[in-house]
């Protein structure tokens, strides 16, 4: 993977990816702004708490980056420390369930895409404290940070939401497949699969990869 990726790091496809990231991010922000304003209103009305929350995640080369998301959990969601979200998580608010289903809570991360900390497409970034534990248990886990993390990725459109070591191993196989086969065409496929999930509100169905 490293030998195949390194010669292409400044290739025309990387440049196209960066230009596309900025252009599409601005378009998505403009188109989705009415929905974002409604989401902000409903988040505030539900519990009068903060609208956004920020987290430190690992970016390219495991460099720390700060991402911004719409808050979908109760205010005291992590009073016991960082933990994975799980299916039917009681910490998720009513409006949060809807926002997560259509992925609207992720849109503020477009700011990170425009800044260059993230890409629209790539492996999803994780929190350093969780990554530290996963690196001990999963072989080649750090390889996923050979490229910029993304707002959506091959794992996100092909694998259901999971919160376990085994789920992470499975998702890593998709991330490595993406890195190994990175191309503008593959990014386009992932982008449209992501749009399909957003508009239908349905999660991905696993597909077999070789």
N, C-alpha and C. Protein backbone atom coordinates (compact mmCIF):
# COMPACT_ATOMS: atom_id res chain seq x y z
N UNK A 1 0.84 -1.21 0.00
CA UNK A 1 0.00 0.00 0.00
C UNK A 1 0.87 1.25 0.00
N UNK A 2 1.90 1.26 0.85
CA UNK A 2 2.76 2.44 0.95
C UNK A 2 3.48 2.70 -0.37
N UNK A 3 4.02 1.64 -0.98
CA UNK A 3 4.75 1.80 -2.24
C UNK A 3 3.85 2.26 -3.37
N UNK A 4 2.59 1.83 -3.34
CA UNK A 4 1.66 2.22 -4.39
C UNK A 4 1.13 3.64 -4.18
N UNK A 5 1.03 4.06 -2.92
CA UNK A 5 0.45 5.36 -2.64
C UNK A 5 1.47 6.50 -2.78
N UNK A 6 2.68 6.29 -2.29
CA UNK A 6 3.67 7.36 -2.23
C UNK A 6 3.94 8.05 -3.56
N UNK A 7 4.13 7.33 -4.66
CA UNK A 7 4.41 8.01 -5.93
C UNK A 7 3.25 8.88 -6.42
N UNK A 8 2.06 8.62 -5.89
CA UNK A 8 0.88 9.34 -6.37
C UNK A 8 0.46 10.50 -5.46
N UNK A 9 1.26 10.74 -4.41
CA UNK A 9 0.82 11.69 -3.40
C UNK A 9 0.66 13.11 -3.98
N UNK A 10 1.43 13.44 -5.04
CA UNK A 10 1.29 14.75 -5.67
C UNK A 10 0.77 14.60 -7.09
N UNK A 11 0.09 13.51 -7.36
CA UNK A 11 -0.41 13.24 -8.70
C UNK A 11 -1.58 14.16 -9.05
N UNK A 12 -1.96 14.12 -10.31
CA UNK A 12 -3.08 14.94 -10.79
C UNK A 12 -4.37 14.57 -10.08
N UNK A 13 -4.51 13.28 -9.69
CA UNK A 13 -5.74 12.86 -9.00
C UNK A 13 -5.84 13.49 -7.62
N UNK A 14 -4.71 13.64 -6.92
CA UNK A 14 -4.71 14.29 -5.61
C UNK A 14 -5.11 15.76 -5.76
N UNK A 15 -4.61 16.40 -6.80
CA UNK A 15 -4.95 17.82 -7.04
C UNK A 15 -6.42 17.97 -7.39
N UNK A 16 -6.92 17.07 -8.23
CA UNK A 16 -8.35 17.10 -8.57
C UNK A 16 -9.19 16.88 -7.32
N UNK A 17 -8.75 15.98 -6.46
CA UNK A 17 -9.47 15.68 -5.22
C UNK A 17 -9.58 16.93 -4.34
N UNK A 18 -8.46 17.67 -4.22
CA UNK A 18 -8.46 18.87 -3.38
C UNK A 18 -9.38 19.95 -3.94
N UNK A 19 -9.29 20.19 -5.25
CA UNK A 19 -10.15 21.20 -5.88
C UNK A 19 -11.63 20.80 -5.75
N UNK A 20 -11.91 19.52 -5.96
CA UNK A 20 -13.29 19.02 -5.84
C UNK A 20 -13.80 19.16 -4.41
N UNK A 21 -12.92 18.90 -3.43
CA UNK A 21 -13.30 19.03 -2.02
C UNK A 21 -13.82 20.43 -1.72
N UNK A 22 -13.06 21.43 -2.16
CA UNK A 22 -13.42 22.82 -1.87
C UNK A 22 -14.70 23.20 -2.61
N UNK A 23 -14.75 22.90 -3.89
CA UNK A 23 -15.89 23.27 -4.73
C UNK A 23 -17.18 22.61 -4.25
N UNK A 24 -17.15 21.29 -4.02
CA UNK A 24 -18.36 20.58 -3.60
C UNK A 24 -18.77 20.95 -2.18
N UNK A 25 -17.80 21.19 -1.31
CA UNK A 25 -18.12 21.58 0.07
C UNK A 25 -18.91 22.88 0.11
N UNK A 26 -18.47 23.86 -0.70
CA UNK A 26 -19.16 25.15 -0.75
C UNK A 26 -20.59 24.98 -1.29
N UNK A 27 -20.73 24.15 -2.32
CA UNK A 27 -22.06 23.91 -2.89
C UNK A 27 -22.97 23.23 -1.87
N UNK A 28 -22.45 22.21 -1.18
CA UNK A 28 -23.25 21.48 -0.19
C UNK A 28 -23.68 22.40 0.95
N UNK A 29 -22.76 23.26 1.39
CA UNK A 29 -23.10 24.20 2.48
C UNK A 29 -24.24 25.12 2.05
N UNK A 30 -24.16 25.64 0.83
CA UNK A 30 -25.19 26.56 0.33
C UNK A 30 -26.54 25.85 0.19
N UNK A 31 -26.53 24.66 -0.41
CA UNK A 31 -27.78 23.92 -0.63
C UNK A 31 -28.42 23.46 0.67
N UNK A 32 -27.59 23.05 1.61
CA UNK A 32 -28.11 22.47 2.85
C UNK A 32 -28.36 23.50 3.95
N UNK A 33 -28.03 24.76 3.71
CA UNK A 33 -28.15 25.78 4.76
C UNK A 33 -29.56 25.89 5.36
N UNK A 34 -30.65 25.80 4.57
CA UNK A 34 -31.98 25.84 5.20
C UNK A 34 -32.20 24.67 6.17
N UNK A 35 -31.75 23.46 5.80
CA UNK A 35 -31.88 22.31 6.69
C UNK A 35 -31.01 22.46 7.93
N UNK A 36 -29.84 23.02 7.76
CA UNK A 36 -28.95 23.23 8.89
C UNK A 36 -29.56 24.22 9.89
N UNK A 37 -30.18 25.26 9.38
CA UNK A 37 -30.82 26.24 10.26
C UNK A 37 -31.98 25.61 11.03
N UNK A 38 -32.76 24.75 10.35
CA UNK A 38 -33.85 24.04 11.04
C UNK A 38 -33.29 23.10 12.10
N UNK A 39 -32.23 22.39 11.77
CA UNK A 39 -31.61 21.47 12.72
C UNK A 39 -31.11 22.22 13.96
N UNK A 40 -30.48 23.37 13.73
CA UNK A 40 -29.99 24.19 14.84
C UNK A 40 -31.14 24.60 15.75
N UNK A 41 -32.24 25.00 15.15
CA UNK A 41 -33.42 25.43 15.92
C UNK A 41 -33.96 24.28 16.78
N UNK A 42 -34.13 23.09 16.18
CA UNK A 42 -34.70 21.95 16.91
C UNK A 42 -33.76 21.43 17.99
N UNK A 43 -32.45 21.48 17.74
CA UNK A 43 -31.49 21.06 18.77
C UNK A 43 -31.61 21.96 19.99
N UNK A 44 -31.72 23.26 19.74
CA UNK A 44 -31.84 24.21 20.85
C UNK A 44 -33.16 24.04 21.59
N UNK A 45 -34.25 23.85 20.86
CA UNK A 45 -35.57 23.74 21.49
C UNK A 45 -35.70 22.46 22.32
N UNK A 46 -34.98 21.40 21.93
CA UNK A 46 -35.15 20.13 22.64
C UNK A 46 -34.63 20.19 24.08
N UNK A 47 -33.45 20.77 24.29
CA UNK A 47 -32.93 20.79 25.67
C UNK A 47 -32.19 22.07 26.04
N UNK A 48 -32.28 23.07 25.13
CA UNK A 48 -31.63 24.37 25.37
C UNK A 48 -30.12 24.25 25.57
N UNK A 49 -29.55 23.18 25.07
CA UNK A 49 -28.12 22.97 25.23
C UNK A 49 -27.32 23.51 24.06
N UNK A 50 -26.01 23.27 24.04
CA UNK A 50 -25.15 23.73 22.94
C UNK A 50 -25.60 23.15 21.60
N UNK A 51 -25.43 23.90 20.54
CA UNK A 51 -25.81 23.46 19.20
C UNK A 51 -24.73 22.56 18.61
N UNK A 52 -23.50 22.97 18.77
CA UNK A 52 -22.38 22.24 18.19
C UNK A 52 -21.52 21.62 19.29
N UNK A 53 -20.72 20.66 18.89
CA UNK A 53 -19.67 20.20 19.79
C UNK A 53 -18.45 19.86 18.96
N UNK A 54 -17.30 20.05 19.54
CA UNK A 54 -16.05 19.80 18.81
C UNK A 54 -15.31 18.64 19.46
N UNK A 55 -14.52 17.98 18.65
CA UNK A 55 -13.70 16.87 19.11
C UNK A 55 -12.35 16.92 18.44
N UNK A 56 -11.35 16.39 19.15
CA UNK A 56 -10.04 16.21 18.55
C UNK A 56 -10.01 14.83 17.92
N UNK A 57 -9.65 14.75 16.65
CA UNK A 57 -9.54 13.49 15.94
C UNK A 57 -8.14 13.37 15.33
N UNK A 58 -7.80 12.20 14.89
CA UNK A 58 -6.53 11.99 14.19
C UNK A 58 -6.71 12.25 12.70
N UNK A 59 -5.78 13.00 12.14
CA UNK A 59 -5.82 13.29 10.72
C UNK A 59 -4.67 12.62 9.98
N UNK A 60 -4.29 13.19 8.86
CA UNK A 60 -3.20 12.66 8.04
C UNK A 60 -1.95 12.48 8.88
N UNK A 61 -1.37 11.28 8.85
CA UNK A 61 -0.17 11.01 9.63
C UNK A 61 -0.40 11.05 11.12
N UNK A 62 -1.66 10.86 11.54
CA UNK A 62 -2.06 10.89 12.95
C UNK A 62 -1.87 12.25 13.61
N UNK A 63 -1.81 13.29 12.80
CA UNK A 63 -1.75 14.65 13.33
C UNK A 63 -3.13 15.03 13.86
N UNK A 64 -3.17 15.64 15.04
CA UNK A 64 -4.45 16.02 15.64
C UNK A 64 -5.14 17.12 14.84
N UNK A 65 -6.43 16.93 14.61
CA UNK A 65 -7.26 17.95 13.97
C UNK A 65 -8.52 18.13 14.81
N UNK A 66 -9.15 19.29 14.71
CA UNK A 66 -10.39 19.54 15.44
C UNK A 66 -11.55 19.54 14.45
N UNK A 67 -12.57 18.73 14.75
CA UNK A 67 -13.75 18.70 13.90
C UNK A 67 -14.96 19.25 14.67
N UNK A 68 -15.92 19.74 13.90
CA UNK A 68 -17.14 20.31 14.47
C UNK A 68 -18.34 19.53 13.95
N UNK A 69 -19.27 19.20 14.85
CA UNK A 69 -20.47 18.46 14.47
C UNK A 69 -21.68 19.08 15.16
N UNK A 70 -22.87 18.82 14.60
CA UNK A 70 -24.08 19.19 15.30
C UNK A 70 -24.24 18.22 16.47
N UNK A 71 -24.62 18.72 17.62
CA UNK A 71 -24.76 17.86 18.80
C UNK A 71 -26.00 16.97 18.65
N UNK A 72 -25.80 15.66 18.79
CA UNK A 72 -26.91 14.71 18.68
C UNK A 72 -27.12 13.91 19.96
N UNK A 73 -26.32 14.18 20.98
CA UNK A 73 -26.44 13.47 22.25
C UNK A 73 -26.80 14.43 23.38
N UNK A 74 -27.22 13.85 24.49
CA UNK A 74 -27.54 14.66 25.66
C UNK A 74 -26.28 15.37 26.14
N UNK A 75 -26.45 16.43 26.89
CA UNK A 75 -25.33 17.27 27.30
C UNK A 75 -24.29 16.49 28.09
N UNK A 76 -24.73 15.55 28.93
CA UNK A 76 -23.80 14.80 29.79
C UNK A 76 -23.43 13.45 29.19
N UNK A 77 -23.40 13.34 27.87
CA UNK A 77 -23.22 12.05 27.19
C UNK A 77 -21.91 11.36 27.56
N UNK A 78 -20.85 12.14 27.80
CA UNK A 78 -19.56 11.51 28.07
C UNK A 78 -19.01 11.89 29.44
N UNK A 79 -19.91 11.96 30.41
CA UNK A 79 -19.46 12.27 31.76
C UNK A 79 -18.58 11.17 32.34
N UNK A 80 -18.69 9.95 31.78
CA UNK A 80 -17.87 8.83 32.23
C UNK A 80 -16.64 8.63 31.35
N UNK A 81 -16.41 9.56 30.44
CA UNK A 81 -15.26 9.47 29.56
C UNK A 81 -15.64 9.08 28.14
N UNK A 82 -14.69 9.14 27.20
CA UNK A 82 -14.95 8.79 25.79
C UNK A 82 -15.42 7.34 25.65
N UNK A 83 -16.41 7.13 24.82
CA UNK A 83 -16.91 5.79 24.55
C UNK A 83 -17.58 5.77 23.19
N UNK A 84 -17.62 4.56 22.60
CA UNK A 84 -18.28 4.41 21.31
C UNK A 84 -19.78 4.59 21.44
N UNK A 85 -20.38 5.17 20.39
CA UNK A 85 -21.83 5.18 20.31
C UNK A 85 -22.27 3.78 19.90
N UNK A 86 -23.44 3.35 20.37
CA UNK A 86 -23.92 2.01 20.06
C UNK A 86 -25.33 2.06 19.51
N UNK A 87 -25.80 0.93 18.98
CA UNK A 87 -27.14 0.87 18.42
C UNK A 87 -28.16 1.15 19.52
N UNK A 88 -29.17 1.98 19.20
CA UNK A 88 -30.20 2.38 20.15
C UNK A 88 -29.59 3.01 21.39
N UNK A 89 -28.55 3.80 21.20
CA UNK A 89 -27.85 4.46 22.31
C UNK A 89 -28.82 5.41 23.02
N UNK A 90 -29.05 5.23 24.33
CA UNK A 90 -30.00 6.08 25.05
C UNK A 90 -29.51 7.52 25.20
N UNK A 91 -28.25 7.76 24.90
CA UNK A 91 -27.72 9.12 25.02
C UNK A 91 -28.10 10.01 23.84
N UNK A 92 -28.55 9.40 22.75
CA UNK A 92 -28.90 10.18 21.56
C UNK A 92 -30.26 10.85 21.75
N UNK A 93 -30.34 12.13 21.43
CA UNK A 93 -31.58 12.88 21.58
C UNK A 93 -32.57 12.51 20.47
N UNK A 94 -33.80 12.97 20.62
CA UNK A 94 -34.82 12.67 19.61
C UNK A 94 -34.46 13.26 18.26
N UNK A 95 -34.10 14.53 18.25
CA UNK A 95 -33.72 15.16 16.98
C UNK A 95 -32.39 14.57 16.49
N UNK A 96 -31.55 14.13 17.45
CA UNK A 96 -30.27 13.53 17.10
C UNK A 96 -30.42 12.26 16.29
N UNK A 97 -31.44 11.47 16.59
CA UNK A 97 -31.68 10.23 15.84
C UNK A 97 -31.95 10.52 14.38
N UNK A 98 -32.76 11.55 14.12
CA UNK A 98 -33.07 11.93 12.75
C UNK A 98 -31.84 12.49 12.04
N UNK A 99 -31.12 13.35 12.72
CA UNK A 99 -29.93 13.97 12.12
C UNK A 99 -28.89 12.92 11.75
N UNK A 100 -28.75 11.91 12.61
CA UNK A 100 -27.77 10.84 12.32
C UNK A 100 -28.23 9.98 11.15
N UNK A 101 -29.52 9.74 11.06
CA UNK A 101 -30.03 8.89 9.99
C UNK A 101 -29.75 9.49 8.63
N UNK A 102 -29.91 10.80 8.51
CA UNK A 102 -29.68 11.45 7.22
C UNK A 102 -28.30 12.11 7.14
N UNK A 103 -27.46 11.86 8.14
CA UNK A 103 -26.07 12.33 8.19
C UNK A 103 -25.94 13.86 8.24
N UNK A 104 -26.99 14.56 8.60
CA UNK A 104 -26.93 16.02 8.62
C UNK A 104 -26.01 16.52 9.73
N UNK A 105 -25.85 15.74 10.79
CA UNK A 105 -25.00 16.16 11.90
C UNK A 105 -23.53 16.28 11.50
N UNK A 106 -23.16 15.63 10.39
CA UNK A 106 -21.77 15.63 9.96
C UNK A 106 -21.38 16.86 9.14
N UNK A 107 -22.37 17.61 8.66
CA UNK A 107 -22.09 18.68 7.70
C UNK A 107 -21.15 19.78 8.20
N UNK A 108 -21.17 20.15 9.50
CA UNK A 108 -20.20 21.17 9.93
C UNK A 108 -18.75 20.78 9.70
N UNK A 109 -18.48 19.48 9.49
CA UNK A 109 -17.12 19.05 9.20
C UNK A 109 -16.64 19.54 7.83
N UNK A 110 -17.57 20.07 7.03
CA UNK A 110 -17.17 20.64 5.75
C UNK A 110 -16.19 21.79 5.95
N UNK A 111 -16.24 22.43 7.11
CA UNK A 111 -15.28 23.49 7.43
C UNK A 111 -13.87 22.91 7.45
N UNK A 112 -13.75 21.71 8.04
CA UNK A 112 -12.44 21.04 8.09
C UNK A 112 -11.98 20.62 6.69
N UNK A 113 -12.95 20.27 5.83
CA UNK A 113 -12.62 19.90 4.46
C UNK A 113 -12.07 21.12 3.72
N UNK A 114 -12.73 22.26 3.85
CA UNK A 114 -12.29 23.48 3.18
C UNK A 114 -10.92 23.92 3.69
N UNK A 115 -10.68 23.75 5.00
CA UNK A 115 -9.39 24.11 5.59
C UNK A 115 -8.27 23.19 5.11
N UNK A 116 -8.62 21.98 4.68
CA UNK A 116 -7.61 21.04 4.22
C UNK A 116 -7.24 19.99 5.23
N UNK A 117 -7.89 19.99 6.41
CA UNK A 117 -7.63 18.97 7.42
C UNK A 117 -8.26 17.64 7.05
N UNK A 118 -9.34 17.69 6.28
CA UNK A 118 -10.06 16.49 5.88
C UNK A 118 -10.36 16.55 4.39
N UNK A 119 -10.87 15.45 3.88
CA UNK A 119 -11.36 15.38 2.51
C UNK A 119 -12.83 14.97 2.56
N UNK A 120 -13.54 15.14 1.46
CA UNK A 120 -14.91 14.65 1.43
C UNK A 120 -14.94 13.13 1.52
N UNK A 121 -13.95 12.48 0.89
CA UNK A 121 -13.90 11.02 0.86
C UNK A 121 -12.58 10.53 1.44
N UNK A 122 -12.68 9.56 2.36
CA UNK A 122 -11.49 8.99 2.98
C UNK A 122 -11.89 8.21 4.22
N UNK A 123 -10.96 7.53 4.87
CA UNK A 123 -11.28 6.83 6.11
C UNK A 123 -11.77 7.81 7.17
N UNK A 124 -12.77 7.42 7.94
CA UNK A 124 -13.29 8.31 8.98
C UNK A 124 -12.26 8.49 10.10
N UNK A 125 -12.05 9.73 10.55
CA UNK A 125 -11.08 9.96 11.63
C UNK A 125 -11.64 9.52 12.98
N UNK A 126 -10.77 9.05 13.85
CA UNK A 126 -11.19 8.60 15.16
C UNK A 126 -10.48 9.42 16.23
N UNK A 127 -11.00 9.38 17.45
CA UNK A 127 -10.38 10.10 18.56
C UNK A 127 -9.05 9.43 18.95
N UNK A 128 -8.04 10.23 19.29
CA UNK A 128 -6.72 9.68 19.64
C UNK A 128 -6.77 8.64 20.75
N UNK A 129 -7.60 8.87 21.77
CA UNK A 129 -7.64 7.94 22.90
C UNK A 129 -8.17 6.57 22.47
N UNK A 130 -9.12 6.55 21.53
CA UNK A 130 -9.65 5.28 21.01
C UNK A 130 -8.66 4.66 20.04
N UNK A 131 -8.06 5.50 19.18
CA UNK A 131 -7.06 5.00 18.24
C UNK A 131 -5.91 4.32 18.96
N UNK A 132 -5.50 4.89 20.07
CA UNK A 132 -4.38 4.34 20.83
C UNK A 132 -4.65 2.90 21.24
N UNK A 133 -5.89 2.62 21.64
CA UNK A 133 -6.26 1.26 22.03
C UNK A 133 -6.39 0.34 20.82
N UNK A 134 -6.95 0.87 19.73
CA UNK A 134 -7.14 0.06 18.53
C UNK A 134 -5.81 -0.33 17.90
N UNK A 135 -4.82 0.55 17.96
CA UNK A 135 -3.52 0.25 17.39
C UNK A 135 -2.85 -0.94 18.08
N UNK A 136 -3.18 -1.14 19.36
CA UNK A 136 -2.61 -2.26 20.11
C UNK A 136 -3.25 -3.59 19.71
N UNK A 137 -4.48 -3.53 19.23
CA UNK A 137 -5.25 -4.75 19.02
C UNK A 137 -5.46 -5.12 17.55
N UNK A 138 -5.23 -4.17 16.64
CA UNK A 138 -5.50 -4.42 15.22
C UNK A 138 -4.25 -4.17 14.40
N UNK A 139 -3.79 -5.20 13.70
CA UNK A 139 -2.59 -5.11 12.88
C UNK A 139 -2.79 -4.12 11.73
N UNK A 140 -1.79 -3.30 11.50
CA UNK A 140 -1.78 -2.32 10.39
C UNK A 140 -2.86 -1.24 10.53
N UNK A 141 -3.39 -1.05 11.73
CA UNK A 141 -4.47 -0.06 11.91
C UNK A 141 -4.02 1.35 11.50
N UNK A 142 -2.77 1.70 11.82
CA UNK A 142 -2.28 3.05 11.55
C UNK A 142 -2.19 3.36 10.05
N UNK A 143 -2.23 2.32 9.22
CA UNK A 143 -2.13 2.52 7.77
C UNK A 143 -3.25 3.40 7.24
N UNK A 144 -4.39 3.42 7.91
CA UNK A 144 -5.53 4.20 7.44
C UNK A 144 -5.25 5.71 7.44
N UNK A 145 -4.20 6.13 8.13
CA UNK A 145 -3.87 7.55 8.19
C UNK A 145 -2.77 7.94 7.19
N UNK A 146 -2.57 7.09 6.18
CA UNK A 146 -1.64 7.44 5.11
C UNK A 146 -2.22 8.51 4.20
N UNK A 147 -3.54 8.68 4.25
CA UNK A 147 -4.20 9.74 3.48
C UNK A 147 -5.12 10.52 4.41
N UNK A 148 -5.62 11.64 3.93
CA UNK A 148 -6.50 12.46 4.75
C UNK A 148 -7.78 11.70 5.10
N UNK A 149 -8.27 11.87 6.32
CA UNK A 149 -9.57 11.26 6.67
C UNK A 149 -10.69 11.97 5.92
N UNK A 150 -11.84 11.31 5.83
CA UNK A 150 -12.93 11.87 5.04
C UNK A 150 -14.23 12.00 5.79
N UNK A 151 -15.11 12.80 5.22
CA UNK A 151 -16.46 12.97 5.75
C UNK A 151 -17.26 11.68 5.54
N UNK A 152 -17.00 11.02 4.43
CA UNK A 152 -17.58 9.70 4.15
C UNK A 152 -16.49 8.85 3.54
N UNK A 153 -16.72 7.54 3.50
CA UNK A 153 -15.68 6.66 2.98
C UNK A 153 -16.24 5.35 2.48
N UNK A 154 -15.36 4.53 1.92
CA UNK A 154 -15.75 3.23 1.39
C UNK A 154 -16.35 2.35 2.48
N UNK A 155 -15.81 2.43 3.68
CA UNK A 155 -16.35 1.65 4.79
C UNK A 155 -17.74 2.14 5.19
N UNK A 156 -17.93 3.45 5.19
CA UNK A 156 -19.21 4.02 5.63
C UNK A 156 -20.37 3.69 4.69
N UNK A 157 -20.09 3.56 3.40
CA UNK A 157 -21.18 3.29 2.45
C UNK A 157 -21.40 1.80 2.21
N UNK A 158 -20.49 0.97 2.76
CA UNK A 158 -20.61 -0.47 2.51
C UNK A 158 -20.75 -1.32 3.78
N UNK A 159 -20.60 -0.70 4.94
CA UNK A 159 -20.64 -1.48 6.18
C UNK A 159 -21.55 -0.78 7.19
N UNK A 160 -22.46 -1.53 7.82
CA UNK A 160 -23.37 -0.92 8.79
C UNK A 160 -22.60 -0.32 9.97
N UNK A 161 -23.25 0.59 10.66
CA UNK A 161 -22.61 1.22 11.82
C UNK A 161 -22.25 0.15 12.85
N UNK A 162 -21.04 0.22 13.37
CA UNK A 162 -20.61 -0.75 14.37
C UNK A 162 -19.80 -0.09 15.46
N UNK A 163 -19.69 -0.77 16.60
CA UNK A 163 -18.95 -0.20 17.72
C UNK A 163 -18.28 -1.32 18.51
N UNK A 164 -17.37 -2.02 17.85
CA UNK A 164 -16.64 -3.09 18.51
C UNK A 164 -15.31 -3.29 17.79
N UNK A 165 -14.42 -4.06 18.41
CA UNK A 165 -13.13 -4.33 17.79
C UNK A 165 -13.31 -5.07 16.47
N UNK A 166 -14.21 -6.06 16.45
CA UNK A 166 -14.44 -6.83 15.23
C UNK A 166 -15.01 -5.96 14.12
N UNK A 167 -15.93 -5.05 14.47
CA UNK A 167 -16.46 -4.13 13.48
C UNK A 167 -15.35 -3.24 12.92
N UNK A 168 -14.47 -2.79 13.80
CA UNK A 168 -13.37 -1.93 13.37
C UNK A 168 -12.43 -2.68 12.44
N UNK A 169 -12.18 -3.95 12.73
CA UNK A 169 -11.33 -4.76 11.84
C UNK A 169 -11.95 -4.86 10.45
N UNK A 170 -13.27 -5.09 10.41
CA UNK A 170 -13.95 -5.19 9.13
C UNK A 170 -13.90 -3.87 8.37
N UNK A 171 -14.13 -2.77 9.09
CA UNK A 171 -14.09 -1.46 8.44
C UNK A 171 -12.68 -1.13 7.95
N UNK A 172 -11.67 -1.58 8.69
CA UNK A 172 -10.30 -1.33 8.27
C UNK A 172 -10.02 -1.99 6.93
N UNK A 173 -10.59 -3.16 6.70
CA UNK A 173 -10.38 -3.83 5.41
C UNK A 173 -10.93 -2.98 4.26
N UNK A 174 -12.05 -2.28 4.51
CA UNK A 174 -12.60 -1.39 3.49
C UNK A 174 -11.71 -0.16 3.31
N UNK A 175 -11.20 0.37 4.43
CA UNK A 175 -10.31 1.53 4.35
C UNK A 175 -9.05 1.20 3.56
N UNK A 176 -8.47 0.03 3.82
CA UNK A 176 -7.26 -0.38 3.11
C UNK A 176 -7.54 -0.62 1.63
N UNK A 177 -8.72 -1.15 1.34
CA UNK A 177 -9.12 -1.33 -0.06
C UNK A 177 -9.18 0.02 -0.76
N UNK A 178 -9.75 1.02 -0.07
CA UNK A 178 -9.86 2.36 -0.65
C UNK A 178 -8.47 2.95 -0.91
N UNK A 179 -7.58 2.85 0.08
CA UNK A 179 -6.24 3.41 -0.08
C UNK A 179 -5.49 2.73 -1.22
N UNK A 180 -5.62 1.41 -1.27
CA UNK A 180 -4.93 0.63 -2.31
C UNK A 180 -5.46 0.95 -3.71
N UNK A 181 -6.76 1.25 -3.81
CA UNK A 181 -7.40 1.45 -5.12
C UNK A 181 -7.85 2.89 -5.33
N UNK A 182 -7.25 3.82 -4.58
CA UNK A 182 -7.65 5.22 -4.67
C UNK A 182 -7.67 5.72 -6.11
N UNK A 183 -8.78 6.38 -6.48
CA UNK A 183 -8.90 7.00 -7.79
C UNK A 183 -10.05 7.99 -7.76
N UNK A 184 -10.06 8.89 -8.72
CA UNK A 184 -11.15 9.86 -8.83
C UNK A 184 -12.48 9.15 -9.07
N UNK A 185 -12.46 8.08 -9.87
CA UNK A 185 -13.67 7.33 -10.16
C UNK A 185 -14.24 6.71 -8.89
N UNK A 186 -13.37 6.13 -8.07
CA UNK A 186 -13.84 5.51 -6.82
C UNK A 186 -14.42 6.58 -5.89
N UNK A 187 -13.82 7.76 -5.84
CA UNK A 187 -14.36 8.86 -5.03
C UNK A 187 -15.76 9.24 -5.50
N UNK A 188 -15.96 9.28 -6.80
CA UNK A 188 -17.27 9.63 -7.35
C UNK A 188 -18.31 8.58 -6.96
N UNK A 189 -17.92 7.31 -7.05
CA UNK A 189 -18.83 6.23 -6.66
C UNK A 189 -19.24 6.37 -5.19
N UNK A 190 -18.27 6.62 -4.32
CA UNK A 190 -18.55 6.77 -2.88
C UNK A 190 -19.42 7.99 -2.63
N UNK A 191 -19.15 9.07 -3.35
CA UNK A 191 -19.94 10.29 -3.17
C UNK A 191 -21.41 10.04 -3.48
N UNK A 192 -21.70 9.38 -4.59
CA UNK A 192 -23.09 9.13 -4.96
C UNK A 192 -23.74 8.08 -4.07
N UNK A 193 -22.98 7.11 -3.59
CA UNK A 193 -23.53 6.14 -2.64
C UNK A 193 -23.88 6.84 -1.32
N UNK A 194 -23.06 7.83 -0.95
CA UNK A 194 -23.33 8.61 0.26
C UNK A 194 -24.61 9.41 0.09
N UNK A 195 -24.78 10.05 -1.08
CA UNK A 195 -25.99 10.81 -1.35
C UNK A 195 -27.23 9.92 -1.32
N UNK A 196 -27.08 8.69 -1.80
CA UNK A 196 -28.20 7.74 -1.76
C UNK A 196 -28.61 7.44 -0.33
N UNK A 197 -27.62 7.25 0.55
CA UNK A 197 -27.91 6.99 1.96
C UNK A 197 -28.59 8.19 2.61
N UNK A 198 -28.10 9.39 2.27
CA UNK A 198 -28.67 10.62 2.84
C UNK A 198 -30.13 10.79 2.43
N UNK A 199 -30.42 10.59 1.15
CA UNK A 199 -31.78 10.83 0.65
C UNK A 199 -32.76 9.73 1.02
N UNK A 200 -32.27 8.51 1.22
CA UNK A 200 -33.18 7.39 1.57
C UNK A 200 -33.25 7.17 3.07
N UNK A 201 -32.23 7.65 3.80
CA UNK A 201 -32.20 7.43 5.25
C UNK A 201 -31.90 5.99 5.62
N UNK A 202 -31.41 5.20 4.65
CA UNK A 202 -31.11 3.80 4.90
C UNK A 202 -29.60 3.60 4.98
N UNK A 203 -29.20 2.75 5.90
CA UNK A 203 -27.80 2.46 6.05
C UNK A 203 -27.31 1.51 4.98
N UNK A 204 -26.00 1.32 4.89
CA UNK A 204 -25.43 0.45 3.87
C UNK A 204 -25.65 -1.02 4.14
N UNK A 205 -25.67 -1.82 3.08
CA UNK A 205 -25.72 -3.27 3.18
C UNK A 205 -24.34 -3.79 2.84
N UNK A 206 -23.74 -4.62 3.69
CA UNK A 206 -22.38 -5.08 3.46
C UNK A 206 -22.23 -5.76 2.11
N UNK A 207 -21.09 -5.49 1.45
CA UNK A 207 -20.76 -6.20 0.22
C UNK A 207 -19.42 -6.87 0.41
N UNK A 208 -19.16 -7.94 -0.29
CA UNK A 208 -17.91 -8.67 -0.15
C UNK A 208 -16.83 -8.00 -0.95
N UNK A 209 -15.65 -7.86 -0.35
CA UNK A 209 -14.52 -7.31 -1.08
C UNK A 209 -13.40 -8.34 -1.07
N UNK A 210 -12.58 -8.31 -2.10
CA UNK A 210 -11.49 -9.28 -2.21
C UNK A 210 -10.15 -8.61 -1.96
